[in-house]
Amino acid sequence: MTDFNIIRQFSYPTIIRFGAGAVKELPDHLVANGLSRALLVTDPMVASLDFFKKIKESLEAKAISVEVFSDIHKNPVKSDVLKGGDVYKLTERDCIIGIGGGAAMDVARAIVLRVNHTRDL
């Protein structure tokens, strides 16, 4: 039985950096954290845009291997996450970066869950 009269606490130490030019810090952040095999999760439209290509190139310039997963629906479905998880595992990635709108960010977060937990989504 749980005692609901006890006060509990947890911390989730997430650092969020944002603002004009913040994306330029991404390659150095990955290198500083020992990450070198990124899975970029985005949608097909964003994957075709110049800013996305520049992000990919900036990572590769720092010797970061990049795999792009953009096979997602506008309204994500479970199969998007399963496919993304398979790509992550098959290509031996060590980090996941979501770039784009809500669908891409949702799928990226769900892929993180998928590759770190064995239970069904």
PDB file of N, CA and C in Angstrom:
ATOM      1  N   MET A   1       0.834  -1.172   0.000  1.00  0.00           N
ATOM      2  CA  MET A   1       0.000   0.000   0.000  1.00  0.00           C
ATOM      3  C   MET A   1       0.888   1.248   0.000  1.00  0.00           C
ATOM      4  N   THR A   2       0.518   2.219  -0.783  1.00  0.00           N
ATOM      5  CA  THR A   2       1.277   3.454  -0.883  1.00  0.00           C
ATOM      6  C   THR A   2       0.834   4.449   0.174  1.00  0.00           C
ATOM      7  N   ASP A   3       1.797   5.059   0.821  1.00  0.00           N
ATOM      8  CA  ASP A   3       1.500   6.098   1.808  1.00  0.00           C
ATOM      9  C   ASP A   3       1.505   7.442   1.081  1.00  0.00           C
ATOM     10  N   PHE A   4       0.335   8.003   0.872  1.00  0.00           N
ATOM     11  CA  PHE A   4       0.213   9.258   0.139  1.00  0.00           C
ATOM     12  C   PHE A   4       0.517  10.480   1.005  1.00  0.00           C
ATOM     13  N   ASN A   5       0.840  10.267   2.259  1.00  0.00           N
ATOM     14  CA  ASN A   5       1.172  11.373   3.150  1.00  0.00           C
ATOM     15  C   ASN A   5       2.653  11.733   3.113  1.00  0.00           C
ATOM     16  N   ILE A   6       3.433  10.956   2.384  1.00  0.00           N
ATOM     17  CA  ILE A   6       4.862  11.225   2.260  1.00  0.00           C
ATOM     18  C   ILE A   6       5.080  12.120   1.047  1.00  0.00           C
ATOM     19  N   ILE A   7       5.858  13.156   1.231  1.00  0.00           N
ATOM     20  CA  ILE A   7       6.185  14.047   0.115  1.00  0.00           C
ATOM     21  C   ILE A   7       7.393  13.471  -0.608  1.00  0.00           C
ATOM     22  N   ARG A   8       7.270  13.353  -1.924  1.00  0.00           N
ATOM     23  CA  ARG A   8       8.349  12.808  -2.742  1.00  0.00           C
ATOM     24  C   ARG A   8       8.784  13.852  -3.755  1.00  0.00           C
ATOM     25  N   GLN A   9       9.943  13.644  -4.274  1.00  0.00           N
ATOM     26  CA  GLN A   9      10.462  14.581  -5.256  1.00  0.00           C
ATOM     27  C   GLN A   9      11.275  13.821  -6.291  1.00  0.00           C
ATOM     28  N   PHE A  10      11.261  14.301  -7.504  1.00  0.00           N
ATOM     29  CA  PHE A  10      12.181  13.799  -8.503  1.00  0.00           C
ATOM     30  C   PHE A  10      12.607  14.974  -9.368  1.00  0.00           C
ATOM     31  N   SER A  11      13.773  14.850  -9.940  1.00  0.00           N
ATOM     32  CA  SER A  11      14.293  15.889 -10.824  1.00  0.00           C
ATOM     33  C   SER A  11      14.546  15.273 -12.185  1.00  0.00           C
ATOM     34  N   TYR A  12      14.237  16.010 -13.180  1.00  0.00           N
ATOM     35  CA  TYR A  12      14.492  15.577 -14.546  1.00  0.00           C
ATOM     36  C   TYR A  12      15.382  16.643 -15.169  1.00  0.00           C
ATOM     37  N   PRO A  13      16.685  16.443 -15.122  1.00  0.00           N
ATOM     38  CA  PRO A  13      17.622  17.507 -15.498  1.00  0.00           C
ATOM     39  C   PRO A  13      17.758  17.699 -17.007  1.00  0.00           C
ATOM     40  N   THR A  14      16.731  18.204 -17.625  1.00  0.00           N
ATOM     41  CA  THR A  14      16.767  18.459 -19.059  1.00  0.00           C
ATOM     42  C   THR A  14      17.248  19.879 -19.315  1.00  0.00           C
ATOM     43  N   ILE A  15      18.209  20.013 -20.178  1.00  0.00           N
ATOM     44  CA  ILE A  15      18.691  21.327 -20.578  1.00  0.00           C
ATOM     45  C   ILE A  15      18.111  21.617 -21.950  1.00  0.00           C
ATOM     46  N   ILE A  16      17.483  22.758 -22.081  1.00  0.00           N
ATOM     47  CA  ILE A  16      16.917  23.172 -23.363  1.00  0.00           C
ATOM     48  C   ILE A  16      17.580  24.484 -23.754  1.00  0.00           C
ATOM     49  N   ARG A  17      18.259  24.479 -24.888  1.00  0.00           N
ATOM     50  CA  ARG A  17      18.891  25.697 -25.397  1.00  0.00           C
ATOM     51  C   ARG A  17      18.120  26.112 -26.629  1.00  0.00           C
ATOM     52  N   PHE A  18      17.756  27.368 -26.686  1.00  0.00           N
ATOM     53  CA  PHE A  18      17.006  27.849 -27.836  1.00  0.00           C
ATOM     54  C   PHE A  18      17.359  29.299 -28.104  1.00  0.00           C
ATOM     55  N   GLY A  19      16.976  29.758 -29.281  1.00  0.00           N
ATOM     56  CA  GLY A  19      17.264  31.129 -29.679  1.00  0.00           C
ATOM     57  C   GLY A  19      18.016  31.136 -30.994  1.00  0.00           C
ATOM     58  N   ALA A  20      18.131  32.329 -31.555  1.00  0.00           N
ATOM     59  CA  ALA A  20      18.798  32.486 -32.846  1.00  0.00           C
ATOM     60  C   ALA A  20      20.223  31.940 -32.771  1.00  0.00           C
ATOM     61  N   GLY A  21      20.531  30.993 -33.616  1.00  0.00           N
ATOM     62  CA  GLY A  21      21.875  30.431 -33.686  1.00  0.00           C
ATOM     63  C   GLY A  21      22.165  29.285 -32.737  1.00  0.00           C
ATOM     64  N   ALA A  22      21.216  28.919 -31.891  1.00  0.00           N
ATOM     65  CA  ALA A  22      21.466  27.844 -30.918  1.00  0.00           C
ATOM     66  C   ALA A  22      21.819  26.524 -31.601  1.00  0.00           C
ATOM     67  N   VAL A  23      21.257  26.286 -32.772  1.00  0.00           N
ATOM     68  CA  VAL A  23      21.514  25.015 -33.468  1.00  0.00           C
ATOM     69  C   VAL A  23      22.992  24.875 -33.843  1.00  0.00           C
ATOM     70  N   LYS A  24      23.690  25.997 -33.930  1.00  0.00           N
ATOM     71  CA  LYS A  24      25.118  25.942 -34.259  1.00  0.00           C
ATOM     72  C   LYS A  24      25.931  25.288 -33.139  1.00  0.00           C
ATOM     73  N   GLU A  25      25.378  25.231 -31.940  1.00  0.00           N
ATOM     74  CA  GLU A  25      26.059  24.604 -30.805  1.00  0.00           C
ATOM     75  C   GLU A  25      25.918  23.079 -30.803  1.00  0.00           C
ATOM     76  N   LEU A  26      25.014  22.563 -31.620  1.00  0.00           N
ATOM     77  CA  LEU A  26      24.694  21.137 -31.596  1.00  0.00           C
ATOM     78  C   LEU A  26      25.899  20.230 -31.828  1.00  0.00           C
ATOM     79  N   PRO A  27      26.697  20.443 -32.879  1.00  0.00           N
ATOM     80  CA  PRO A  27      27.829  19.525 -33.093  1.00  0.00           C
ATOM     81  C   PRO A  27      28.789  19.468 -31.904  1.00  0.00           C
ATOM     82  N   ASP A  28      29.140  20.625 -31.364  1.00  0.00           N
ATOM     83  CA  ASP A  28      30.066  20.644 -30.229  1.00  0.00           C
ATOM     84  C   ASP A  28      29.448  19.999 -28.991  1.00  0.00           C
ATOM     85  N   HIS A  29      28.151  20.163 -28.811  1.00  0.00           N
ATOM     86  CA  HIS A  29      27.466  19.534 -27.674  1.00  0.00           C
ATOM     87  C   HIS A  29      27.550  18.007 -27.775  1.00  0.00           C
ATOM     88  N   LEU A  30      27.316  17.484 -28.969  1.00  0.00           N
ATOM     89  CA  LEU A  30      27.390  16.032 -29.149  1.00  0.00           C
ATOM     90  C   LEU A  30      28.805  15.527 -28.896  1.00  0.00           C
ATOM     91  N   VAL A  31      29.786  16.203 -29.476  1.00  0.00           N
ATOM     92  CA  VAL A  31      31.180  15.793 -29.298  1.00  0.00           C
ATOM     93  C   VAL A  31      31.560  15.836 -27.816  1.00  0.00           C
ATOM     94  N   ALA A  32      31.165  16.901 -27.123  1.00  0.00           N
ATOM     95  CA  ALA A  32      31.498  17.046 -25.700  1.00  0.00           C
ATOM     96  C   ALA A  32      30.884  15.937 -24.850  1.00  0.00           C
ATOM     97  N   ASN A  33      29.794  15.351 -25.339  1.00  0.00           N
ATOM     98  CA  ASN A  33      29.123  14.280 -24.600  1.00  0.00           C
ATOM     99  C   ASN A  33      29.441  12.893 -25.144  1.00  0.00           C
ATOM    100  N   GLY A  34      30.453  12.810 -26.008  1.00  0.00           N
ATOM    101  CA  GLY A  34      30.904  11.518 -26.513  1.00  0.00           C
ATOM    102  C   GLY A  34      29.948  10.854 -27.489  1.00  0.00           C
ATOM    103  N   LEU A  35      29.120  11.644 -28.146  1.00  0.00           N
ATOM    104  CA  LEU A  35      28.144  11.100 -29.096  1.00  0.00           C
ATOM    105  C   LEU A  35      28.642  11.327 -30.514  1.00  0.00           C
ATOM    106  N   SER A  36      28.541  10.310 -31.355  1.00  0.00           N
ATOM    107  CA  SER A  36      29.112  10.427 -32.697  1.00  0.00           C
ATOM    108  C   SER A  36      28.275   9.772 -33.789  1.00  0.00           C
ATOM    109  N   ARG A  37      27.091   9.252 -33.445  1.00  0.00           N
ATOM    110  CA  ARG A  37      26.260   8.560 -34.440  1.00  0.00           C
ATOM    111  C   ARG A  37      24.797   8.984 -34.237  1.00  0.00           C
ATOM    112  N   ALA A  38      24.425  10.086 -34.863  1.00  0.00           N
ATOM    113  CA  ALA A  38      23.112  10.693 -34.628  1.00  0.00           C
ATOM    114  C   ALA A  38      22.045  10.183 -35.591  1.00  0.00           C
ATOM    115  N   LEU A  39      20.852   9.995 -35.042  1.00  0.00           N
ATOM    116  CA  LEU A  39      19.664   9.749 -35.859  1.00  0.00           C
ATOM    117  C   LEU A  39      18.874  11.048 -35.863  1.00  0.00           C
ATOM    118  N   LEU A  40      18.763  11.680 -37.030  1.00  0.00           N
ATOM    119  CA  LEU A  40      17.959  12.889 -37.165  1.00  0.00           C
ATOM    120  C   LEU A  40      16.554  12.475 -37.570  1.00  0.00           C
ATOM    121  N   VAL A  41      15.579  12.825 -36.760  1.00  0.00           N
ATOM    122  CA  VAL A  41      14.187  12.482 -37.029  1.00  0.00           C
ATOM    123  C   VAL A  41      13.471  13.749 -37.473  1.00  0.00           C
ATOM    124  N   THR A  42      12.858  13.686 -38.647  1.00  0.00           N
ATOM    125  CA  THR A  42      12.148  14.836 -39.193  1.00  0.00           C
ATOM    126  C   THR A  42      11.076  14.350 -40.144  1.00  0.00           C
ATOM    127  N   ASP A  43      10.357  15.277 -40.746  1.00  0.00           N
ATOM    128  CA  ASP A  43       9.360  14.872 -41.735  1.00  0.00           C
ATOM    129  C   ASP A  43       9.941  15.066 -43.135  1.00  0.00           C
ATOM    130  N   PRO A  44       9.305  14.490 -44.152  1.00  0.00           N
ATOM    131  CA  PRO A  44       9.867  14.558 -45.505  1.00  0.00           C
ATOM    132  C   PRO A  44      10.055  15.987 -46.020  1.00  0.00           C
ATOM    133  N   MET A  45       9.152  16.901 -45.665  1.00  0.00           N
ATOM    134  CA  MET A  45       9.270  18.285 -46.133  1.00  0.00           C
ATOM    135  C   MET A  45      10.494  18.962 -45.525  1.00  0.00           C
ATOM    136  N   VAL A  46      10.645  18.866 -44.219  1.00  0.00           N
ATOM    137  CA  VAL A  46      11.793  19.497 -43.551  1.00  0.00           C
ATOM    138  C   VAL A  46      13.100  18.892 -44.058  1.00  0.00           C
ATOM    139  N   ALA A  47      13.112  17.591 -44.309  1.00  0.00           N
ATOM    140  CA  ALA A  47      14.330  16.926 -44.787  1.00  0.00           C
ATOM    141  C   ALA A  47      14.819  17.499 -46.112  1.00  0.00           C
ATOM    142  N   SER A  48      13.922  18.124 -46.862  1.00  0.00           N
ATOM    143  CA  SER A  48      14.292  18.678 -48.166  1.00  0.00           C
ATOM    144  C   SER A  48      14.734  20.140 -48.095  1.00  0.00           C
ATOM    145  N   LEU A  49      14.625  20.764 -46.942  1.00  0.00           N
ATOM    146  CA  LEU A  49      14.926  22.191 -46.812  1.00  0.00           C
ATOM    147  C   LEU A  49      16.406  22.453 -46.550  1.00  0.00           C
ATOM    148  N   ASP A  50      16.864  23.623 -46.999  1.00  0.00           N
ATOM    149  CA  ASP A  50      18.274  23.982 -46.864  1.00  0.00           C
ATOM    150  C   ASP A  50      18.750  24.016 -45.416  1.00  0.00           C
ATOM    151  N   PHE A  51      17.930  24.549 -44.507  1.00  0.00           N
ATOM    152  CA  PHE A  51      18.396  24.650 -43.124  1.00  0.00           C
ATOM    153  C   PHE A  51      18.665  23.266 -42.535  1.00  0.00           C
ATOM    154  N   PHE A  52      17.856  22.279 -42.928  1.00  0.00           N
ATOM    155  CA  PHE A  52      18.067  20.916 -42.437  1.00  0.00           C
ATOM    156  C   PHE A  52      19.364  20.352 -43.006  1.00  0.00           C
ATOM    157  N   LYS A  53      19.577  20.584 -44.286  1.00  0.00           N
ATOM    158  CA  LYS A  53      20.809  20.107 -44.920  1.00  0.00           C
ATOM    159  C   LYS A  53      22.041  20.735 -44.269  1.00  0.00           C
ATOM    160  N   LYS A  54      21.927  22.006 -43.867  1.00  0.00           N
ATOM    161  CA  LYS A  54      23.047  22.678 -43.196  1.00  0.00           C
ATOM    162  C   LYS A  54      23.315  22.062 -41.820  1.00  0.00           C
ATOM    163  N   ILE A  55      22.258  21.708 -41.112  1.00  0.00           N
ATOM    164  CA  ILE A  55      22.434  21.045 -39.814  1.00  0.00           C
ATOM    165  C   ILE A  55      23.163  19.720 -40.007  1.00  0.00           C
ATOM    166  N   LYS A  56      22.711  18.950 -40.984  1.00  0.00           N
ATOM    167  CA  LYS A  56      23.329  17.656 -41.272  1.00  0.00           C
ATOM    168  C   LYS A  56      24.807  17.830 -41.628  1.00  0.00           C
ATOM    169  N   GLU A  57      25.090  18.798 -42.482  1.00  0.00           N
ATOM    170  CA  GLU A  57      26.474  19.056 -42.894  1.00  0.00           C
ATOM    171  C   GLU A  57      27.339  19.517 -41.718  1.00  0.00           C
ATOM    172  N   SER A  58      26.769  20.324 -40.817  1.00  0.00           N
ATOM    173  CA  SER A  58      27.544  20.804 -39.665  1.00  0.00           C
ATOM    174  C   SER A  58      27.911  19.648 -38.735  1.00  0.00           C
ATOM    175  N   LEU A  59      27.030  18.673 -38.620  1.00  0.00           N
ATOM    176  CA  LEU A  59      27.328  17.488 -37.811  1.00  0.00           C
ATOM    177  C   LEU A  59      28.418  16.652 -38.476  1.00  0.00           C
ATOM    178  N   GLU A  60      28.269  16.435 -39.764  1.00  0.00           N
ATOM    179  CA  GLU A  60      29.251  15.629 -40.499  1.00  0.00           C
ATOM    180  C   GLU A  60      30.630  16.286 -40.499  1.00  0.00           C
ATOM    181  N   ALA A  61      30.666  17.619 -40.488  1.00  0.00           N
ATOM    182  CA  ALA A  61      31.944  18.342 -40.450  1.00  0.00           C
ATOM    183  C   ALA A  61      32.699  18.083 -39.148  1.00  0.00           C
ATOM    184  N   LYS A  62      31.987  17.675 -38.102  1.00  0.00           N
ATOM    185  CA  LYS A  62      32.607  17.338 -36.811  1.00  0.00           C
ATOM    186  C   LYS A  62      32.770  15.826 -36.653  1.00  0.00           C
ATOM    187  N   ALA A  63      32.751  15.106 -37.782  1.00  0.00           N
ATOM    188  CA  ALA A  63      32.927  13.648 -37.806  1.00  0.00           C
ATOM    189  C   ALA A  63      31.804  12.913 -37.086  1.00  0.00           C
ATOM    190  N   ILE A  64      30.605  13.482 -37.124  1.00  0.00           N
ATOM    191  CA  ILE A  64      29.434  12.819 -36.554  1.00  0.00           C
ATOM    192  C   ILE A  64      28.698  12.126 -37.694  1.00  0.00           C
ATOM    193  N   SER A  65      28.552  10.827 -37.586  1.00  0.00           N
ATOM    194  CA  SER A  65      27.818  10.047 -38.577  1.00  0.00           C
ATOM    195  C   SER A  65      26.326  10.357 -38.420  1.00  0.00           C
ATOM    196  N   VAL A  66      25.669  10.653 -39.537  1.00  0.00           N
ATOM    197  CA  VAL A  66      24.263  11.055 -39.489  1.00  0.00           C
ATOM    198  C   VAL A  66      23.407  10.102 -40.315  1.00  0.00           C
ATOM    199  N   GLU A  67      22.338   9.626 -39.711  1.00  0.00           N
ATOM    200  CA  GLU A  67      21.300   8.845 -40.394  1.00  0.00           C
ATOM    201  C   GLU A  67      20.019   9.668 -40.271  1.00  0.00           C
ATOM    202  N   VAL A  68      19.326   9.858 -41.393  1.00  0.00           N
ATOM    203  CA  VAL A  68      18.079  10.628 -41.381  1.00  0.00           C
ATOM    204  C   VAL A  68      16.901   9.675 -41.449  1.00  0.00           C
ATOM    205  N   PHE A  69      15.959   9.845 -40.538  1.00  0.00           N
ATOM    206  CA  PHE A  69      14.701   9.099 -40.575  1.00  0.00           C
ATOM    207  C   PHE A  69      13.580  10.106 -40.778  1.00  0.00           C
ATOM    208  N   SER A  70      12.964  10.061 -41.968  1.00  0.00           N
ATOM    209  CA  SER A  70      11.896  11.010 -42.292  1.00  0.00           C
ATOM    210  C   SER A  70      10.635  10.310 -42.791  1.00  0.00           C
ATOM    211  N   ASP A  71      10.550   9.021 -42.575  1.00  0.00           N
ATOM    212  CA  ASP A  71       9.400   8.237 -43.037  1.00  0.00           C
ATOM    213  C   ASP A  71       8.289   8.285 -41.986  1.00  0.00           C
ATOM    214  N   ILE A  72       7.729   9.490 -41.803  1.00  0.00           N
ATOM    215  CA  ILE A  72       6.678   9.658 -40.802  1.00  0.00           C
ATOM    216  C   ILE A  72       5.449  10.309 -41.425  1.00  0.00           C
ATOM    217  N   HIS A  73       4.317  10.045 -40.825  1.00  0.00           N
ATOM    218  CA  HIS A  73       3.054  10.626 -41.269  1.00  0.00           C
ATOM    219  C   HIS A  73       2.847  12.000 -40.629  1.00  0.00           C
ATOM    220  N   LYS A  74       1.949  12.800 -41.234  1.00  0.00           N
ATOM    221  CA  LYS A  74       1.628  14.110 -40.651  1.00  0.00           C
ATOM    222  C   LYS A  74       1.022  13.955 -39.263  1.00  0.00           C
ATOM    223  N   ASN A  75       0.248  12.914 -39.093  1.00  0.00           N
ATOM    224  CA  ASN A  75      -0.273  12.536 -37.782  1.00  0.00           C
ATOM    225  C   ASN A  75       0.363  11.192 -37.459  1.00  0.00           C
ATOM    226  N   PRO A  76       1.398  11.185 -36.635  1.00  0.00           N
ATOM    227  CA  PRO A  76       2.194   9.970 -36.416  1.00  0.00           C
ATOM    228  C   PRO A  76       1.372   8.771 -35.955  1.00  0.00           C
ATOM    229  N   VAL A  77       1.819   7.618 -36.402  1.00  0.00           N
ATOM    230  CA  VAL A  77       1.209   6.349 -36.005  1.00  0.00           C
ATOM    231  C   VAL A  77       2.303   5.454 -35.418  1.00  0.00           C
ATOM    232  N   LYS A  78       1.882   4.414 -34.752  1.00  0.00           N
ATOM    233  CA  LYS A  78       2.813   3.510 -34.074  1.00  0.00           C
ATOM    234  C   LYS A  78       3.876   2.962 -35.023  1.00  0.00           C
ATOM    235  N   SER A  79       3.484   2.659 -36.258  1.00  0.00           N
ATOM    236  CA  SER A  79       4.455   2.083 -37.194  1.00  0.00           C
ATOM    237  C   SER A  79       5.602   3.048 -37.496  1.00  0.00           C
ATOM    238  N   ASP A  80       5.353   4.367 -37.425  1.00  0.00           N
ATOM    239  CA  ASP A  80       6.436   5.340 -37.614  1.00  0.00           C
ATOM    240  C   ASP A  80       7.500   5.148 -36.539  1.00  0.00           C
ATOM    241  N   VAL A  81       7.047   4.980 -35.319  1.00  0.00           N
ATOM    242  CA  VAL A  81       7.952   4.815 -34.179  1.00  0.00           C
ATOM    243  C   VAL A  81       8.699   3.486 -34.276  1.00  0.00           C
ATOM    244  N   LEU A  82       7.992   2.432 -34.638  1.00  0.00           N
ATOM    245  CA  LEU A  82       8.631   1.119 -34.755  1.00  0.00           C
ATOM    246  C   LEU A  82       9.704   1.136 -35.838  1.00  0.00           C
ATOM    247  N   LYS A  83       9.392   1.747 -36.990  1.00  0.00           N
ATOM    248  CA  LYS A  83      10.376   1.842 -38.073  1.00  0.00           C
ATOM    249  C   LYS A  83      11.583   2.669 -37.638  1.00  0.00           C
ATOM    250  N   GLY A  84      11.312   3.785 -36.981  1.00  0.00           N
ATOM    251  CA  GLY A  84      12.410   4.632 -36.505  1.00  0.00           C
ATOM    252  C   GLY A  84      13.290   3.914 -35.501  1.00  0.00           C
ATOM    253  N   GLY A  85      12.678   3.149 -34.618  1.00  0.00           N
ATOM    254  CA  GLY A  85      13.441   2.360 -33.650  1.00  0.00           C
ATOM    255  C   GLY A  85      14.305   1.319 -34.333  1.00  0.00           C
ATOM    256  N   ASP A  86      13.752   0.702 -35.377  1.00  0.00           N
ATOM    257  CA  ASP A  86      14.530  -0.282 -36.142  1.00  0.00           C
ATOM    258  C   ASP A  86      15.733   0.374 -36.814  1.00  0.00           C
ATOM    259  N   VAL A  87      15.513   1.555 -37.404  1.00  0.00           N
ATOM    260  CA  VAL A  87      16.618   2.277 -38.048  1.00  0.00           C
ATOM    261  C   VAL A  87      17.695   2.605 -37.016  1.00  0.00           C
ATOM    262  N   TYR A  88      17.283   3.066 -35.853  1.00  0.00           N
ATOM    263  CA  TYR A  88      18.220   3.402 -34.771  1.00  0.00           C
ATOM    264  C   TYR A  88      19.092   2.195 -34.430  1.00  0.00           C
ATOM    265  N   LYS A  89      18.449   1.062 -34.249  1.00  0.00           N
ATOM    266  CA  LYS A  89      19.192  -0.140 -33.851  1.00  0.00           C
ATOM    267  C   LYS A  89      20.052  -0.690 -34.989  1.00  0.00           C
ATOM    268  N   LEU A  90      19.485  -0.785 -36.190  1.00  0.00           N
ATOM    269  CA  LEU A  90      20.212  -1.365 -37.321  1.00  0.00           C
ATOM    270  C   LEU A  90      21.426  -0.541 -37.722  1.00  0.00           C
ATOM    271  N   THR A  91      21.332   0.779 -37.566  1.00  0.00           N
ATOM    272  CA  THR A  91      22.443   1.646 -37.956  1.00  0.00           C
ATOM    273  C   THR A  91      23.328   2.025 -36.771  1.00  0.00           C
ATOM    274  N   GLU A  92      23.037   1.421 -35.610  1.00  0.00           N
ATOM    275  CA  GLU A  92      23.851   1.585 -34.401  1.00  0.00           C
ATOM    276  C   GLU A  92      24.069   3.049 -34.019  1.00  0.00           C
ATOM    277  N   ARG A  93      22.985   3.776 -33.872  1.00  0.00           N
ATOM    278  CA  ARG A  93      23.032   5.183 -33.462  1.00  0.00           C
ATOM    279  C   ARG A  93      23.256   5.290 -31.958  1.00  0.00           C
ATOM    280  N   ASP A  94      23.735   6.434 -31.508  1.00  0.00           N
ATOM    281  CA  ASP A  94      23.906   6.647 -30.068  1.00  0.00           C
ATOM    282  C   ASP A  94      23.155   7.877 -29.553  1.00  0.00           C
ATOM    283  N   CYS A  95      22.429   8.556 -30.432  1.00  0.00           N
ATOM    284  CA  CYS A  95      21.600   9.676 -29.995  1.00  0.00           C
ATOM    285  C   CYS A  95      20.510   9.942 -31.026  1.00  0.00           C
ATOM    286  N   ILE A  96      19.462  10.604 -30.571  1.00  0.00           N
ATOM    287  CA  ILE A  96      18.318  10.924 -31.422  1.00  0.00           C
ATOM    288  C   ILE A  96      18.070  12.418 -31.326  1.00  0.00           C
ATOM    289  N   ILE A  97      17.935  13.064 -32.490  1.00  0.00           N
ATOM    290  CA  ILE A  97      17.685  14.497 -32.546  1.00  0.00           C
ATOM    291  C   ILE A  97      16.433  14.726 -33.377  1.00  0.00           C
ATOM    292  N   GLY A  98      15.421  15.318 -32.784  1.00  0.00           N
ATOM    293  CA  GLY A  98      14.196  15.655 -33.498  1.00  0.00           C
ATOM    294  C   GLY A  98      14.292  17.059 -34.048  1.00  0.00           C
ATOM    295  N   ILE A  99      13.971  17.220 -35.328  1.00  0.00           N
ATOM    296  CA  ILE A  99      14.017  18.535 -35.969  1.00  0.00           C
ATOM    297  C   ILE A  99      12.737  18.724 -36.766  1.00  0.00           C
ATOM    298  N   GLY A 100      12.043  19.792 -36.485  1.00  0.00           N
ATOM    299  CA  GLY A 100      10.845  20.085 -37.256  1.00  0.00           C
ATOM    300  C   GLY A 100       9.664  20.407 -36.383  1.00  0.00           C
ATOM    301  N   GLY A 101       8.501  20.058 -36.890  1.00  0.00           N
ATOM    302  CA  GLY A 101       7.254  20.361 -36.207  1.00  0.00           C
ATOM    303  C   GLY A 101       6.842  19.291 -35.218  1.00  0.00           C
ATOM    304  N   GLY A 102       5.582  19.360 -34.838  1.00  0.00           N
ATOM    305  CA  GLY A 102       5.055  18.478 -33.805  1.00  0.00           C
ATOM    306  C   GLY A 102       5.178  17.006 -34.117  1.00  0.00           C
ATOM    307  N   ALA A 103       4.874  16.609 -35.347  1.00  0.00           N
ATOM    308  CA  ALA A 103       4.926  15.188 -35.702  1.00  0.00           C
ATOM    309  C   ALA A 103       6.342  14.641 -35.537  1.00  0.00           C
ATOM    310  N   ALA A 104       7.323  15.362 -36.065  1.00  0.00           N
ATOM    311  CA  ALA A 104       8.714  14.907 -35.970  1.00  0.00           C
ATOM    312  C   ALA A 104       9.170  14.836 -34.519  1.00  0.00           C
ATOM    313  N   MET A 105       8.801  15.830 -33.738  1.00  0.00           N
ATOM    314  CA  MET A 105       9.210  15.844 -32.330  1.00  0.00           C
ATOM    315  C   MET A 105       8.532  14.717 -31.556  1.00  0.00           C
ATOM    316  N   ASP A 106       7.253  14.481 -31.834  1.00  0.00           N
ATOM    317  CA  ASP A 106       6.539  13.385 -31.170  1.00  0.00           C
ATOM    318  C   ASP A 106       7.172  12.038 -31.500  1.00  0.00           C
ATOM    319  N   VAL A 107       7.471  11.834 -32.784  1.00  0.00           N
ATOM    320  CA  VAL A 107       8.070  10.563 -33.198  1.00  0.00           C
ATOM    321  C   VAL A 107       9.464  10.409 -32.587  1.00  0.00           C
ATOM    322  N   ALA A 108      10.252  11.478 -32.578  1.00  0.00           N
ATOM    323  CA  ALA A 108      11.597  11.402 -31.989  1.00  0.00           C
ATOM    324  C   ALA A 108      11.522  10.994 -30.521  1.00  0.00           C
ATOM    325  N   ARG A 109      10.625  11.620 -29.769  1.00  0.00           N
ATOM    326  CA  ARG A 109      10.487  11.278 -28.342  1.00  0.00           C
ATOM    327  C   ARG A 109      10.029   9.829 -28.164  1.00  0.00           C
ATOM    328  N   ALA A 110       9.109   9.400 -29.016  1.00  0.00           N
ATOM    329  CA  ALA A 110       8.605   8.030 -28.904  1.00  0.00           C
ATOM    330  C   ALA A 110       9.675   7.009 -29.295  1.00  0.00           C
ATOM    331  N   ILE A 111      10.534   7.357 -30.250  1.00  0.00           N
ATOM    332  CA  ILE A 111      11.633   6.457 -30.612  1.00  0.00           C
ATOM    333  C   ILE A 111      12.583   6.302 -29.424  1.00  0.00           C
ATOM    334  N   VAL A 112      12.837   7.387 -28.709  1.00  0.00           N
ATOM    335  CA  VAL A 112      13.679   7.303 -27.507  1.00  0.00           C
ATOM    336  C   VAL A 112      13.082   6.297 -26.531  1.00  0.00           C
ATOM    337  N   LEU A 113      11.774   6.368 -26.323  1.00  0.00           N
ATOM    338  CA  LEU A 113      11.116   5.394 -25.446  1.00  0.00           C
ATOM    339  C   LEU A 113      11.283   3.981 -25.985  1.00  0.00           C
ATOM    340  N   ARG A 114      11.062   3.831 -27.275  1.00  0.00           N
ATOM    341  CA  ARG A 114      11.107   2.510 -27.909  1.00  0.00           C
ATOM    342  C   ARG A 114      12.472   1.843 -27.752  1.00  0.00           C
ATOM    343  N   VAL A 115      13.534   2.603 -27.944  1.00  0.00           N
ATOM    344  CA  VAL A 115      14.866   1.991 -27.916  1.00  0.00           C
ATOM    345  C   VAL A 115      15.394   1.797 -26.497  1.00  0.00           C
ATOM    346  N   ASN A 116      14.762   2.419 -25.523  1.00  0.00           N
ATOM    347  CA  ASN A 116      15.217   2.301 -24.137  1.00  0.00           C
ATOM    348  C   ASN A 116      14.323   1.440 -23.255  1.00  0.00           C
ATOM    349  N   HIS A 117      13.181   1.041 -23.758  1.00  0.00           N
ATOM    350  CA  HIS A 117      12.241   0.240 -22.972  1.00  0.00           C
ATOM    351  C   HIS A 117      11.691  -0.889 -23.830  1.00  0.00           C
ATOM    352  N   THR A 118      11.452  -2.023 -23.223  1.00  0.00           N
ATOM    353  CA  THR A 118      11.013  -3.193 -23.983  1.00  0.00           C
ATOM    354  C   THR A 118       9.500  -3.362 -24.027  1.00  0.00           C
ATOM    355  N   ARG A 119       8.778  -2.632 -23.211  1.00  0.00           N
ATOM    356  CA  ARG A 119       7.323  -2.790 -23.186  1.00  0.00           C
ATOM    357  C   ARG A 119       6.697  -2.197 -24.443  1.00  0.00           C
ATOM    358  N   ASP A 120       5.516  -2.673 -24.780  1.00  0.00           N
ATOM    359  CA  ASP A 120       4.800  -2.192 -25.954  1.00  0.00           C
ATOM    360  C   ASP A 120       4.423  -0.726 -25.771  1.00  0.00           C
ATOM    361  N   LEU A 121       4.455  -0.007 -26.879  1.00  0.00           N
ATOM    362  CA  LEU A 121       4.069   1.398 -26.832  1.00  0.00           C
ATOM    363  C   LEU A 121       2.602   1.543 -26.501  1.00  0.00           C
TER     364      LEU A 121
END
